[in-house]
Amino acid sequence: MFERHTKTATRSGWSLYSPPMTPTTPSTPSSPSTADAECAALTRNLRRRGTLVLSVFALVWAFAGASGMASSTAALAVEIAAGTLTVAAIVLAYRKGAAPSPRMVSLPDNWARGVGIVNVVEVVAIFAVIAASNASGHPSFIPAGIALVVGLHFFPLAGLYDQWQYKGAAVLLTVAAVVGFGLIAVGLSSETVRAVVGLAAAVVLWASAYHVAVKG
């Protein structure tokens, strides 16, 4: 049975008086709590930021892939398309009047600290890949190596942000990295490897960005 609690003053202080609601008593819809509003705002902000970061790094990967293409005309077309897709994703994420996210995030304790640690490890690992590849005389390993690092770092981020799309991005980027190493193994040029890995990574990140922006 629902009860409506009202406070009544007494000489000794405040006490709770709780008369039962009768069937004829009209019920008043409860307003969203402050905690619910804060959770909704946090969810919206994290997903907007996620779309922004994903789409911008997709742009970086697309330009890297375009730099490995033999045709300058094709490379220019890729760059124009990349810029358009990136701007459209950001506008979609930050558009006014967008419906609220259908699912609120459920973040673990110290999630922000965890995100910071994962991102620092990612940056260090990327520089390590670049340094090791150049020092060993195999710079062609750099695109695939970086794609592998980026892919792996999305696995913990999926849980820290409570964003399941990041697991898909993690798997697909890891596959793109493995394909890149395979292309190196069969003797393809570093330009071809850069084009394939770069464009594949860009498509994965754009797909994730658009899905987060539209589906939440």
N, C-alpha and C. Protein backbone atom coordinates (compact mmCIF):
# COMPACT_ATOMS: atom_id res chain seq x y z
N MET A 1 0.85 -1.19 0.00
CA MET A 1 0.00 0.00 0.00
C MET A 1 0.89 1.24 0.00
N PHE A 2 0.59 2.20 -0.94
CA PHE A 2 1.34 3.44 -0.97
C PHE A 2 0.88 4.34 0.16
N GLU A 3 1.79 5.09 0.73
CA GLU A 3 1.46 6.02 1.79
C GLU A 3 2.00 7.40 1.47
N ARG A 4 1.26 8.40 1.85
CA ARG A 4 1.70 9.78 1.67
C ARG A 4 2.13 10.30 3.03
N HIS A 5 3.41 10.64 3.11
CA HIS A 5 3.96 11.08 4.39
C HIS A 5 3.92 12.60 4.47
N THR A 6 3.35 13.11 5.53
CA THR A 6 3.35 14.55 5.77
C THR A 6 3.92 14.81 7.14
N LYS A 7 4.63 15.92 7.27
CA LYS A 7 5.23 16.28 8.55
C LYS A 7 4.29 17.19 9.33
N THR A 8 4.10 16.87 10.59
CA THR A 8 3.28 17.71 11.45
C THR A 8 4.11 18.14 12.64
N ALA A 9 3.91 19.38 13.03
CA ALA A 9 4.71 19.95 14.12
C ALA A 9 4.13 19.54 15.46
N THR A 10 5.02 19.22 16.39
CA THR A 10 4.66 18.95 17.77
C THR A 10 5.54 19.81 18.65
N ARG A 11 5.22 19.84 19.93
CA ARG A 11 6.03 20.64 20.85
C ARG A 11 7.45 20.11 20.93
N SER A 12 7.64 18.81 20.81
CA SER A 12 8.99 18.25 20.94
C SER A 12 9.76 18.25 19.64
N GLY A 13 9.14 18.60 18.54
CA GLY A 13 9.86 18.60 17.28
C GLY A 13 8.95 18.16 16.15
N TRP A 14 9.58 17.46 15.16
CA TRP A 14 8.84 17.01 13.98
C TRP A 14 8.55 15.52 14.10
N SER A 15 7.33 15.15 13.69
CA SER A 15 6.99 13.74 13.64
C SER A 15 6.34 13.42 12.32
N LEU A 16 6.31 12.15 11.92
CA LEU A 16 5.73 11.73 10.65
C LEU A 16 4.32 11.24 10.86
N TYR A 17 3.41 11.77 10.08
CA TYR A 17 2.04 11.30 10.12
C TYR A 17 1.73 10.66 8.78
N SER A 18 1.31 9.41 8.77
CA SER A 18 1.19 8.66 7.52
C SER A 18 -0.20 8.06 7.35
N PRO A 19 -1.19 8.86 6.99
CA PRO A 19 -2.51 8.29 6.76
C PRO A 19 -2.52 7.50 5.47
N PRO A 20 -3.19 6.34 5.42
CA PRO A 20 -3.23 5.56 4.19
C PRO A 20 -4.03 6.28 3.12
N MET A 21 -3.61 6.07 1.88
CA MET A 21 -4.33 6.65 0.76
C MET A 21 -5.56 5.83 0.48
N THR A 22 -6.68 6.50 0.29
CA THR A 22 -7.91 5.80 -0.07
C THR A 22 -7.97 5.65 -1.57
N PRO A 23 -8.83 4.74 -2.06
CA PRO A 23 -8.92 4.55 -3.51
C PRO A 23 -9.32 5.80 -4.25
N THR A 24 -9.96 6.75 -3.54
CA THR A 24 -10.41 7.96 -4.23
C THR A 24 -9.36 9.05 -4.23
N THR A 25 -8.24 8.81 -3.51
CA THR A 25 -7.19 9.83 -3.44
C THR A 25 -6.43 9.87 -4.75
N PRO A 26 -6.38 11.00 -5.43
CA PRO A 26 -5.64 11.06 -6.71
C PRO A 26 -4.15 10.93 -6.46
N SER A 27 -3.49 10.17 -7.29
CA SER A 27 -2.04 10.01 -7.17
C SER A 27 -1.34 11.06 -8.00
N THR A 28 -0.26 11.58 -7.48
CA THR A 28 0.52 12.60 -8.18
C THR A 28 1.76 11.97 -8.78
N PRO A 29 1.97 12.14 -10.10
CA PRO A 29 3.17 11.55 -10.71
C PRO A 29 4.42 12.08 -10.04
N SER A 30 5.33 11.18 -9.76
CA SER A 30 6.58 11.59 -9.12
C SER A 30 7.48 12.26 -10.13
N SER A 31 8.15 13.33 -9.74
CA SER A 31 9.07 14.03 -10.62
C SER A 31 10.42 13.35 -10.58
N PRO A 32 11.20 13.45 -11.68
CA PRO A 32 12.52 12.81 -11.69
C PRO A 32 13.40 13.34 -10.58
N SER A 33 14.11 12.47 -9.94
CA SER A 33 14.98 12.88 -8.86
C SER A 33 16.22 13.56 -9.40
N THR A 34 16.90 14.26 -8.51
CA THR A 34 18.13 14.92 -8.91
C THR A 34 19.17 13.92 -9.40
N ALA A 35 19.22 12.77 -8.72
CA ALA A 35 20.18 11.73 -9.12
C ALA A 35 19.89 11.23 -10.52
N ASP A 36 18.61 11.05 -10.85
CA ASP A 36 18.25 10.59 -12.19
C ASP A 36 18.65 11.62 -13.23
N ALA A 37 18.41 12.89 -12.93
CA ALA A 37 18.76 13.95 -13.87
C ALA A 37 20.27 14.01 -14.09
N GLU A 38 21.04 13.85 -12.99
CA GLU A 38 22.49 13.88 -13.11
C GLU A 38 22.99 12.68 -13.92
N CYS A 39 22.37 11.53 -13.70
CA CYS A 39 22.78 10.34 -14.44
C CYS A 39 22.48 10.50 -15.93
N ALA A 40 21.33 11.09 -16.25
CA ALA A 40 20.97 11.32 -17.64
C ALA A 40 21.95 12.29 -18.30
N ALA A 41 22.32 13.35 -17.56
CA ALA A 41 23.27 14.33 -18.10
C ALA A 41 24.64 13.71 -18.30
N LEU A 42 25.09 12.90 -17.34
CA LEU A 42 26.38 12.24 -17.48
C LEU A 42 26.38 11.28 -18.66
N THR A 43 25.30 10.53 -18.81
CA THR A 43 25.19 9.60 -19.94
C THR A 43 25.28 10.35 -21.25
N ARG A 44 24.52 11.43 -21.37
CA ARG A 44 24.54 12.22 -22.60
C ARG A 44 25.93 12.78 -22.89
N ASN A 45 26.58 13.33 -21.86
CA ASN A 45 27.90 13.93 -22.06
C ASN A 45 28.95 12.90 -22.43
N LEU A 46 28.92 11.74 -21.78
CA LEU A 46 29.90 10.70 -22.10
C LEU A 46 29.72 10.19 -23.52
N ARG A 47 28.49 10.05 -23.95
CA ARG A 47 28.26 9.54 -25.30
C ARG A 47 28.56 10.59 -26.36
N ARG A 48 28.32 11.83 -26.05
CA ARG A 48 28.73 12.89 -26.98
C ARG A 48 30.24 12.94 -27.09
N ARG A 49 30.91 12.88 -25.94
CA ARG A 49 32.37 12.91 -25.96
C ARG A 49 32.93 11.69 -26.66
N GLY A 50 32.30 10.53 -26.44
CA GLY A 50 32.75 9.32 -27.11
C GLY A 50 32.63 9.43 -28.61
N THR A 51 31.50 9.98 -29.09
CA THR A 51 31.32 10.17 -30.53
C THR A 51 32.36 11.12 -31.09
N LEU A 52 32.63 12.19 -30.36
CA LEU A 52 33.63 13.16 -30.81
C LEU A 52 35.00 12.52 -30.93
N VAL A 53 35.43 11.82 -29.89
CA VAL A 53 36.77 11.21 -29.90
C VAL A 53 36.88 10.13 -30.98
N LEU A 54 35.87 9.28 -31.08
CA LEU A 54 35.90 8.21 -32.08
C LEU A 54 35.97 8.77 -33.49
N SER A 55 35.14 9.77 -33.78
CA SER A 55 35.11 10.30 -35.14
C SER A 55 36.38 11.07 -35.50
N VAL A 56 36.95 11.78 -34.53
CA VAL A 56 38.20 12.52 -34.81
C VAL A 56 39.34 11.54 -35.07
N PHE A 57 39.44 10.48 -34.27
CA PHE A 57 40.50 9.52 -34.52
C PHE A 57 40.24 8.71 -35.79
N ALA A 58 38.98 8.54 -36.16
CA ALA A 58 38.68 7.93 -37.46
C ALA A 58 39.23 8.81 -38.58
N LEU A 59 39.10 10.11 -38.42
CA LEU A 59 39.64 11.05 -39.41
C LEU A 59 41.15 10.90 -39.52
N VAL A 60 41.83 10.79 -38.38
CA VAL A 60 43.29 10.62 -38.38
C VAL A 60 43.68 9.33 -39.11
N TRP A 61 42.98 8.24 -38.80
CA TRP A 61 43.27 6.97 -39.46
C TRP A 61 42.99 7.05 -40.96
N ALA A 62 41.93 7.74 -41.35
CA ALA A 62 41.60 7.86 -42.77
C ALA A 62 42.69 8.61 -43.53
N PHE A 63 43.20 9.67 -42.92
CA PHE A 63 44.28 10.42 -43.58
C PHE A 63 45.55 9.58 -43.65
N ALA A 64 45.80 8.80 -42.61
CA ALA A 64 46.97 7.91 -42.64
C ALA A 64 46.81 6.88 -43.75
N GLY A 65 45.60 6.32 -43.88
CA GLY A 65 45.36 5.35 -44.94
C GLY A 65 45.47 5.98 -46.32
N ALA A 66 44.95 7.19 -46.46
CA ALA A 66 45.01 7.87 -47.75
C ALA A 66 46.45 8.14 -48.17
N SER A 67 47.32 8.37 -47.20
CA SER A 67 48.73 8.64 -47.53
C SER A 67 49.42 7.43 -48.15
N GLY A 68 48.84 6.24 -47.98
CA GLY A 68 49.45 5.06 -48.56
C GLY A 68 48.86 4.67 -49.90
N MET A 69 47.89 5.45 -50.40
CA MET A 69 47.25 5.12 -51.66
C MET A 69 48.09 5.59 -52.84
N ALA A 70 48.10 4.78 -53.89
CA ALA A 70 48.93 5.10 -55.06
C ALA A 70 48.36 6.28 -55.84
N SER A 71 47.06 6.42 -55.88
CA SER A 71 46.41 7.48 -56.66
C SER A 71 46.16 8.70 -55.78
N SER A 72 46.69 9.83 -56.20
CA SER A 72 46.46 11.06 -55.43
C SER A 72 45.01 11.49 -55.51
N THR A 73 44.36 11.20 -56.63
CA THR A 73 42.94 11.55 -56.78
C THR A 73 42.09 10.74 -55.80
N ALA A 74 42.37 9.45 -55.71
CA ALA A 74 41.64 8.60 -54.77
C ALA A 74 41.91 9.03 -53.34
N ALA A 75 43.15 9.40 -53.06
CA ALA A 75 43.50 9.83 -51.71
C ALA A 75 42.74 11.10 -51.34
N LEU A 76 42.63 12.05 -52.29
CA LEU A 76 41.90 13.28 -52.05
C LEU A 76 40.42 12.99 -51.80
N ALA A 77 39.86 12.08 -52.58
CA ALA A 77 38.45 11.71 -52.39
C ALA A 77 38.22 11.12 -51.00
N VAL A 78 39.16 10.29 -50.56
CA VAL A 78 39.05 9.69 -49.22
C VAL A 78 39.11 10.77 -48.15
N GLU A 79 39.99 11.72 -48.32
CA GLU A 79 40.14 12.78 -47.33
C GLU A 79 38.89 13.66 -47.25
N ILE A 80 38.29 13.96 -48.40
CA ILE A 80 37.07 14.77 -48.42
C ILE A 80 35.93 14.00 -47.74
N ALA A 81 35.80 12.72 -48.09
CA ALA A 81 34.76 11.90 -47.48
C ALA A 81 34.99 11.77 -45.98
N ALA A 82 36.25 11.65 -45.58
CA ALA A 82 36.58 11.52 -44.16
C ALA A 82 36.17 12.76 -43.38
N GLY A 83 36.46 13.92 -43.93
CA GLY A 83 36.08 15.15 -43.26
C GLY A 83 34.56 15.28 -43.13
N THR A 84 33.86 14.91 -44.19
CA THR A 84 32.40 14.99 -44.18
C THR A 84 31.80 14.05 -43.15
N LEU A 85 32.29 12.81 -43.11
CA LEU A 85 31.77 11.82 -42.16
C LEU A 85 32.04 12.24 -40.71
N THR A 86 33.19 12.83 -40.49
CA THR A 86 33.55 13.25 -39.13
C THR A 86 32.66 14.40 -38.66
N VAL A 87 32.49 15.40 -39.51
CA VAL A 87 31.63 16.53 -39.14
C VAL A 87 30.20 16.07 -38.92
N ALA A 88 29.70 15.19 -39.79
CA ALA A 88 28.32 14.70 -39.66
C ALA A 88 28.12 13.93 -38.35
N ALA A 89 29.11 13.14 -37.96
CA ALA A 89 29.00 12.38 -36.71
C ALA A 89 28.94 13.32 -35.51
N ILE A 90 29.75 14.35 -35.52
CA ILE A 90 29.77 15.30 -34.39
C ILE A 90 28.47 16.07 -34.32
N VAL A 91 27.97 16.52 -35.47
CA VAL A 91 26.69 17.24 -35.50
C VAL A 91 25.57 16.34 -35.00
N LEU A 92 25.60 15.08 -35.41
CA LEU A 92 24.56 14.13 -34.98
C LEU A 92 24.58 13.94 -33.47
N ALA A 93 25.78 13.89 -32.90
CA ALA A 93 25.90 13.68 -31.45
C ALA A 93 25.45 14.89 -30.66
N TYR A 94 25.74 16.10 -31.16
CA TYR A 94 25.47 17.32 -30.40
C TYR A 94 24.21 18.04 -30.86
N ARG A 95 23.40 17.39 -31.69
CA ARG A 95 22.20 18.04 -32.21
C ARG A 95 21.22 18.37 -31.07
N LYS A 96 20.52 19.48 -31.22
CA LYS A 96 19.52 19.87 -30.23
C LYS A 96 18.25 19.06 -30.47
N GLY A 97 17.55 18.80 -29.38
CA GLY A 97 16.29 18.09 -29.50
C GLY A 97 16.43 16.59 -29.68
N ALA A 98 17.65 16.07 -29.49
CA ALA A 98 17.84 14.63 -29.62
C ALA A 98 17.12 13.91 -28.49
N ALA A 99 16.59 12.74 -28.79
CA ALA A 99 15.90 11.96 -27.77
C ALA A 99 16.89 11.52 -26.70
N PRO A 100 16.47 11.41 -25.45
CA PRO A 100 17.38 10.95 -24.40
C PRO A 100 17.89 9.54 -24.67
N SER A 101 19.05 9.23 -24.15
CA SER A 101 19.62 7.90 -24.33
C SER A 101 18.67 6.86 -23.75
N PRO A 102 18.44 5.77 -24.49
CA PRO A 102 17.49 4.76 -23.99
C PRO A 102 18.00 3.98 -22.79
N ARG A 103 19.31 4.06 -22.53
CA ARG A 103 19.87 3.31 -21.41
C ARG A 103 20.86 4.19 -20.67
N MET A 104 20.70 4.30 -19.36
CA MET A 104 21.62 5.08 -18.56
C MET A 104 22.89 4.27 -18.27
N VAL A 105 24.02 4.94 -18.22
CA VAL A 105 25.27 4.25 -17.93
C VAL A 105 25.32 3.83 -16.47
N SER A 106 25.98 2.74 -16.20
CA SER A 106 26.22 2.27 -14.84
C SER A 106 27.73 2.15 -14.67
N LEU A 107 28.33 3.19 -14.13
CA LEU A 107 29.77 3.29 -14.08
C LEU A 107 30.34 2.63 -12.83
N PRO A 108 31.47 1.95 -12.96
CA PRO A 108 32.10 1.36 -11.77
C PRO A 108 32.75 2.43 -10.90
N ASP A 109 33.11 2.05 -9.69
CA ASP A 109 33.81 2.97 -8.81
C ASP A 109 35.15 3.37 -9.43
N ASN A 110 35.54 4.63 -9.25
CA ASN A 110 36.83 5.15 -9.74
C ASN A 110 36.98 4.95 -11.26
N TRP A 111 35.87 5.07 -11.97
CA TRP A 111 35.93 4.85 -13.42
C TRP A 111 36.82 5.88 -14.12
N ALA A 112 36.76 7.13 -13.68
CA ALA A 112 37.57 8.18 -14.32
C ALA A 112 39.06 7.90 -14.15
N ARG A 113 39.44 7.45 -12.96
CA ARG A 113 40.85 7.11 -12.72
C ARG A 113 41.26 5.95 -13.60
N GLY A 114 40.38 4.97 -13.74
CA GLY A 114 40.68 3.82 -14.60
C GLY A 114 40.85 4.23 -16.04
N VAL A 115 39.98 5.13 -16.52
CA VAL A 115 40.10 5.62 -17.90
C VAL A 115 41.44 6.32 -18.10
N GLY A 116 41.82 7.13 -17.12
CA GLY A 116 43.10 7.83 -17.24
C GLY A 116 44.28 6.87 -17.32
N ILE A 117 44.25 5.82 -16.50
CA ILE A 117 45.33 4.83 -16.52
C ILE A 117 45.40 4.12 -17.87
N VAL A 118 44.23 3.71 -18.38
CA VAL A 118 44.19 3.01 -19.67
C VAL A 118 44.73 3.89 -20.79
N ASN A 119 44.35 5.17 -20.78
CA ASN A 119 44.80 6.07 -21.84
C ASN A 119 46.31 6.34 -21.75
N VAL A 120 46.83 6.45 -20.54
CA VAL A 120 48.28 6.65 -20.40
C VAL A 120 49.03 5.42 -20.90
N VAL A 121 48.56 4.24 -20.52
CA VAL A 121 49.20 3.01 -20.99
C VAL A 121 49.14 2.92 -22.51
N GLU A 122 48.01 3.33 -23.10
CA GLU A 122 47.88 3.31 -24.56
C GLU A 122 48.92 4.21 -25.22
N VAL A 123 49.05 5.43 -24.73
CA VAL A 123 50.01 6.37 -25.33
C VAL A 123 51.44 5.84 -25.22
N VAL A 124 51.79 5.33 -24.04
CA VAL A 124 53.14 4.77 -23.85
C VAL A 124 53.37 3.60 -24.80
N ALA A 125 52.37 2.74 -24.93
CA ALA A 125 52.51 1.59 -25.81
C ALA A 125 52.66 2.00 -27.28
N ILE A 126 51.95 3.05 -27.69
CA ILE A 126 52.06 3.52 -29.07
C ILE A 126 53.48 4.03 -29.34
N PHE A 127 54.01 4.84 -28.43
CA PHE A 127 55.38 5.32 -28.61
C PHE A 127 56.37 4.15 -28.60
N ALA A 128 56.11 3.14 -27.79
CA ALA A 128 56.99 1.97 -27.76
C ALA A 128 56.95 1.23 -29.08
N VAL A 129 55.77 1.10 -29.67
CA VAL A 129 55.64 0.44 -30.98
C VAL A 129 56.43 1.21 -32.04
N ILE A 130 56.28 2.52 -32.05
CA ILE A 130 56.99 3.34 -33.04
C ILE A 130 58.50 3.22 -32.86
N ALA A 131 58.96 3.32 -31.61
CA ALA A 131 60.40 3.26 -31.34
C ALA A 131 60.95 1.89 -31.69
N ALA A 132 60.27 0.82 -31.29
CA ALA A 132 60.76 -0.53 -31.55
C ALA A 132 60.76 -0.84 -33.04
N SER A 133 59.73 -0.39 -33.75
CA SER A 133 59.66 -0.66 -35.19
C SER A 133 60.78 0.04 -35.94
N ASN A 134 61.03 1.30 -35.60
CA ASN A 134 62.10 2.04 -36.26
C ASN A 134 63.47 1.50 -35.89
N ALA A 135 63.65 1.16 -34.61
CA ALA A 135 64.95 0.65 -34.16
C ALA A 135 65.28 -0.69 -34.80
N SER A 136 64.26 -1.49 -35.07
CA SER A 136 64.49 -2.81 -35.66
C SER A 136 64.55 -2.77 -37.18
N GLY A 137 64.32 -1.61 -37.75
CA GLY A 137 64.36 -1.50 -39.21
C GLY A 137 63.09 -1.99 -39.89
N HIS A 138 61.97 -2.01 -39.15
CA HIS A 138 60.69 -2.46 -39.70
C HIS A 138 59.60 -1.41 -39.48
N PRO A 139 59.74 -0.23 -40.07
CA PRO A 139 58.72 0.81 -39.87
C PRO A 139 57.35 0.43 -40.42
N SER A 140 57.33 -0.55 -41.32
CA SER A 140 56.04 -0.99 -41.87
C SER A 140 55.15 -1.62 -40.80
N PHE A 141 55.74 -2.00 -39.66
CA PHE A 141 54.96 -2.59 -38.57
C PHE A 141 54.14 -1.54 -37.80
N ILE A 142 54.46 -0.26 -37.99
CA ILE A 142 53.87 0.77 -37.15
C ILE A 142 52.34 0.84 -37.26
N PRO A 143 51.75 0.91 -38.48
CA PRO A 143 50.28 1.01 -38.53
C PRO A 143 49.57 -0.16 -37.85
N ALA A 144 50.01 -1.39 -38.15
CA ALA A 144 49.37 -2.56 -37.55
C ALA A 144 49.60 -2.60 -36.05
N GLY A 145 50.81 -2.22 -35.63
CA GLY A 145 51.11 -2.22 -34.20
C GLY A 145 50.26 -1.21 -33.43
N ILE A 146 50.10 -0.03 -34.00
CA ILE A 146 49.26 0.98 -33.34
C ILE A 146 47.80 0.54 -33.32
N ALA A 147 47.33 -0.03 -34.43
CA ALA A 147 45.95 -0.51 -34.48
C ALA A 147 45.71 -1.57 -33.41
N LEU A 148 46.70 -2.42 -33.18
CA LEU A 148 46.57 -3.45 -32.15
C LEU A 148 46.47 -2.82 -30.76
N VAL A 149 47.33 -1.83 -30.49
CA VAL A 149 47.30 -1.15 -29.19
C VAL A 149 45.96 -0.47 -28.98
N VAL A 150 45.49 0.25 -29.99
CA VAL A 150 44.21 0.97 -29.87
C VAL A 150 43.07 -0.02 -29.68
N GLY A 151 43.11 -1.11 -30.44
CA GLY A 151 42.06 -2.11 -30.29
C GLY A 151 42.03 -2.71 -28.89
N LEU A 152 43.18 -3.07 -28.37
CA LEU A 152 43.23 -3.67 -27.04
C LEU A 152 42.78 -2.70 -25.95
N HIS A 153 43.07 -1.42 -26.14
CA HIS A 153 42.71 -0.47 -25.07
C HIS A 153 41.20 -0.25 -24.98
N PHE A 154 40.46 -0.62 -26.04
CA PHE A 154 39.01 -0.49 -25.98
C PHE A 154 38.35 -1.57 -25.11
N PHE A 155 39.02 -2.68 -24.88
CA PHE A 155 38.43 -3.73 -24.05
C PHE A 155 38.15 -3.23 -22.63
N PRO A 156 39.14 -2.67 -21.92
CA PRO A 156 38.82 -2.14 -20.59
C PRO A 156 37.91 -0.92 -20.63
N LEU A 157 38.03 -0.09 -21.68
CA LEU A 157 37.18 1.09 -21.76
C LEU A 157 35.71 0.73 -21.87
N ALA A 158 35.42 -0.39 -22.50
CA ALA A 158 34.02 -0.81 -22.64
C ALA A 158 33.36 -0.97 -21.28
N GLY A 159 34.09 -1.54 -20.33
CA GLY A 159 33.55 -1.70 -18.99
C GLY A 159 33.58 -0.42 -18.19
N LEU A 160 34.65 0.36 -18.33
CA LEU A 160 34.78 1.59 -17.55
C LEU A 160 33.73 2.63 -17.95
N TYR A 161 33.38 2.66 -19.25
CA TYR A 161 32.36 3.60 -19.71
C TYR A 161 30.96 2.96 -19.79
N ASP A 162 30.88 1.65 -19.53
CA ASP A 162 29.62 0.92 -19.69
C ASP A 162 29.06 1.15 -21.09
N GLN A 163 29.93 0.97 -22.09
CA GLN A 163 29.56 1.21 -23.48
C GLN A 163 29.92 -0.03 -24.29
N TRP A 164 28.91 -0.88 -24.57
CA TRP A 164 29.20 -2.17 -25.18
C TRP A 164 29.74 -2.05 -26.59
N GLN A 165 29.45 -0.93 -27.29
CA GLN A 165 29.96 -0.77 -28.65
C GLN A 165 31.49 -0.80 -28.69
N TYR A 166 32.13 -0.40 -27.58
CA TYR A 166 33.59 -0.37 -27.56
C TYR A 166 34.19 -1.77 -27.64
N LYS A 167 33.43 -2.78 -27.20
CA LYS A 167 33.92 -4.15 -27.34
C LYS A 167 33.98 -4.54 -28.81
N GLY A 168 32.97 -4.14 -29.57
CA GLY A 168 32.99 -4.40 -31.00
C GLY A 168 34.14 -3.70 -31.69
N ALA A 169 34.38 -2.43 -31.31
CA ALA A 169 35.51 -1.70 -31.87
C ALA A 169 36.82 -2.38 -31.53
N ALA A 170 36.93 -2.88 -30.30
CA ALA A 170 38.16 -3.55 -29.86
C ALA A 170 38.44 -4.78 -30.72
N VAL A 171 37.41 -5.59 -30.94
CA VAL A 171 37.58 -6.83 -31.72
C VAL A 171 37.95 -6.50 -33.16
N LEU A 172 37.22 -5.57 -33.78
CA LEU A 172 37.44 -5.27 -35.20
C LEU A 172 38.79 -4.59 -35.43
N LEU A 173 39.21 -3.72 -34.53
CA LEU A 173 40.53 -3.10 -34.68
C LEU A 173 41.64 -4.12 -34.50
N THR A 174 41.45 -5.06 -33.60
CA THR A 174 42.44 -6.12 -33.43
C THR A 174 42.52 -6.97 -34.69
N VAL A 175 41.37 -7.26 -35.31
CA VAL A 175 41.36 -8.01 -36.58
C VAL A 175 42.08 -7.22 -37.67
N ALA A 176 41.85 -5.91 -37.74
CA ALA A 176 42.53 -5.07 -38.73
C ALA A 176 44.04 -5.12 -38.53
N ALA A 177 44.48 -5.12 -37.27
CA ALA A 177 45.91 -5.21 -36.98
C ALA A 177 46.48 -6.54 -37.44
N VAL A 178 45.76 -7.62 -37.16
CA VAL A 178 46.22 -8.96 -37.57
C VAL A 178 46.30 -9.05 -39.09
N VAL A 179 45.32 -8.48 -39.78
CA VAL A 179 45.36 -8.46 -41.25
C VAL A 179 46.58 -7.69 -41.73
N GLY A 180 46.87 -6.56 -41.07
CA GLY A 180 48.05 -5.78 -41.45
C GLY A 180 49.33 -6.57 -41.30
N PHE A 181 49.48 -7.28 -40.18
CA PHE A 181 50.68 -8.11 -40.01
C PHE A 181 50.73 -9.22 -41.06
N GLY A 182 49.55 -9.74 -41.43
CA GLY A 182 49.51 -10.77 -42.47
C GLY A 182 49.96 -10.24 -43.81
N LEU A 183 49.56 -9.01 -44.13
CA LEU A 183 49.98 -8.39 -45.40
C LEU A 183 51.49 -8.17 -45.42
N ILE A 184 52.05 -7.81 -44.29
CA ILE A 184 53.51 -7.66 -44.20
C ILE A 184 54.19 -9.01 -44.43
N ALA A 185 53.61 -10.04 -43.84
CA ALA A 185 54.20 -11.38 -43.94
C ALA A 185 54.24 -11.89 -45.38
N VAL A 186 53.23 -11.51 -46.17
CA VAL A 186 53.21 -11.98 -47.56
C VAL A 186 53.98 -11.06 -48.49
N GLY A 187 54.59 -10.01 -47.94
CA GLY A 187 55.49 -9.18 -48.72
C GLY A 187 54.91 -7.96 -49.38
N LEU A 188 53.73 -7.52 -48.98
CA LEU A 188 53.16 -6.31 -49.57
C LEU A 188 53.89 -5.08 -49.05
N SER A 189 53.81 -4.01 -49.82
CA SER A 189 54.56 -2.80 -49.49
C SER A 189 53.99 -2.13 -48.23
N SER A 190 54.82 -1.31 -47.62
CA SER A 190 54.40 -0.60 -46.41
C SER A 190 53.27 0.38 -46.73
N GLU A 191 53.26 0.93 -47.94
CA GLU A 191 52.18 1.84 -48.33
C GLU A 191 50.85 1.11 -48.39
N THR A 192 50.87 -0.10 -48.96
CA THR A 192 49.63 -0.89 -49.04
C THR A 192 49.13 -1.25 -47.66
N VAL A 193 50.04 -1.65 -46.80
CA VAL A 193 49.66 -2.00 -45.42
C VAL A 193 49.07 -0.78 -44.73
N ARG A 194 49.69 0.36 -44.90
CA ARG A 194 49.19 1.58 -44.26
C ARG A 194 47.80 1.94 -44.77
N ALA A 195 47.60 1.79 -46.07
CA ALA A 195 46.29 2.10 -46.65
C ALA A 195 45.21 1.16 -46.12
N VAL A 196 45.50 -0.13 -46.10
CA VAL A 196 44.50 -1.10 -45.68
C VAL A 196 44.18 -0.95 -44.19
N VAL A 197 45.21 -0.90 -43.36
CA VAL A 197 44.99 -0.80 -41.91
C VAL A 197 44.35 0.55 -41.56
N GLY A 198 44.85 1.61 -42.15
CA GLY A 198 44.32 2.94 -41.84
C GLY A 198 42.85 3.09 -42.20
N LEU A 199 42.48 2.67 -43.39
CA LEU A 199 41.09 2.81 -43.82
C LEU A 199 40.18 1.86 -43.04
N ALA A 200 40.66 0.65 -42.76
CA ALA A 200 39.86 -0.29 -41.98
C ALA A 200 39.60 0.26 -40.58
N ALA A 201 40.64 0.80 -39.94
CA ALA A 201 40.48 1.37 -38.60
C ALA A 201 39.53 2.56 -38.62
N ALA A 202 39.61 3.38 -39.67
CA ALA A 202 38.72 4.54 -39.78
C ALA A 202 37.26 4.10 -39.88
N VAL A 203 37.00 3.10 -40.70
CA VAL A 203 35.62 2.61 -40.85
C VAL A 203 35.09 2.07 -39.53
N VAL A 204 35.91 1.32 -38.81
CA VAL A 204 35.49 0.77 -37.52
C VAL A 204 35.15 1.89 -36.54
N LEU A 205 36.00 2.89 -36.47
CA LEU A 205 35.77 3.98 -35.51
C LEU A 205 34.56 4.82 -35.89
N TRP A 206 34.37 5.07 -37.19
CA TRP A 206 33.18 5.82 -37.60
C TRP A 206 31.91 5.04 -37.30
N ALA A 207 31.93 3.74 -37.60
CA ALA A 207 30.75 2.91 -37.32
C ALA A 207 30.41 2.96 -35.83
N SER A 208 31.42 2.88 -34.98
CA SER A 208 31.19 2.94 -33.53
C SER A 208 30.67 4.32 -33.12
N ALA A 209 31.24 5.37 -33.71
CA ALA A 209 30.82 6.73 -33.38
C ALA A 209 29.35 6.96 -33.73
N TYR A 210 28.96 6.54 -34.93
CA TYR A 210 27.57 6.74 -35.36
C TYR A 210 26.61 5.90 -34.52
N HIS A 211 27.03 4.70 -34.16
CA HIS A 211 26.14 3.85 -33.37
C HIS A 211 25.94 4.43 -31.98
N VAL A 212 27.02 4.94 -31.38
CA VAL A 212 26.91 5.57 -30.05
C VAL A 212 26.03 6.83 -30.14
N ALA A 213 26.20 7.62 -31.21
CA ALA A 213 25.44 8.87 -31.35
C ALA A 213 23.95 8.60 -31.54
N VAL A 214 23.61 7.55 -32.28
CA VAL A 214 22.21 7.30 -32.62
C VAL A 214 21.53 6.39 -31.61
N LYS A 215 22.20 5.31 -31.22
CA LYS A 215 21.59 4.29 -30.36
C LYS A 215 21.88 4.48 -28.88
N GLY A 216 22.93 5.22 -28.55
CA GLY A 216 23.27 5.41 -27.15
C GLY A 216 24.07 4.28 -26.57
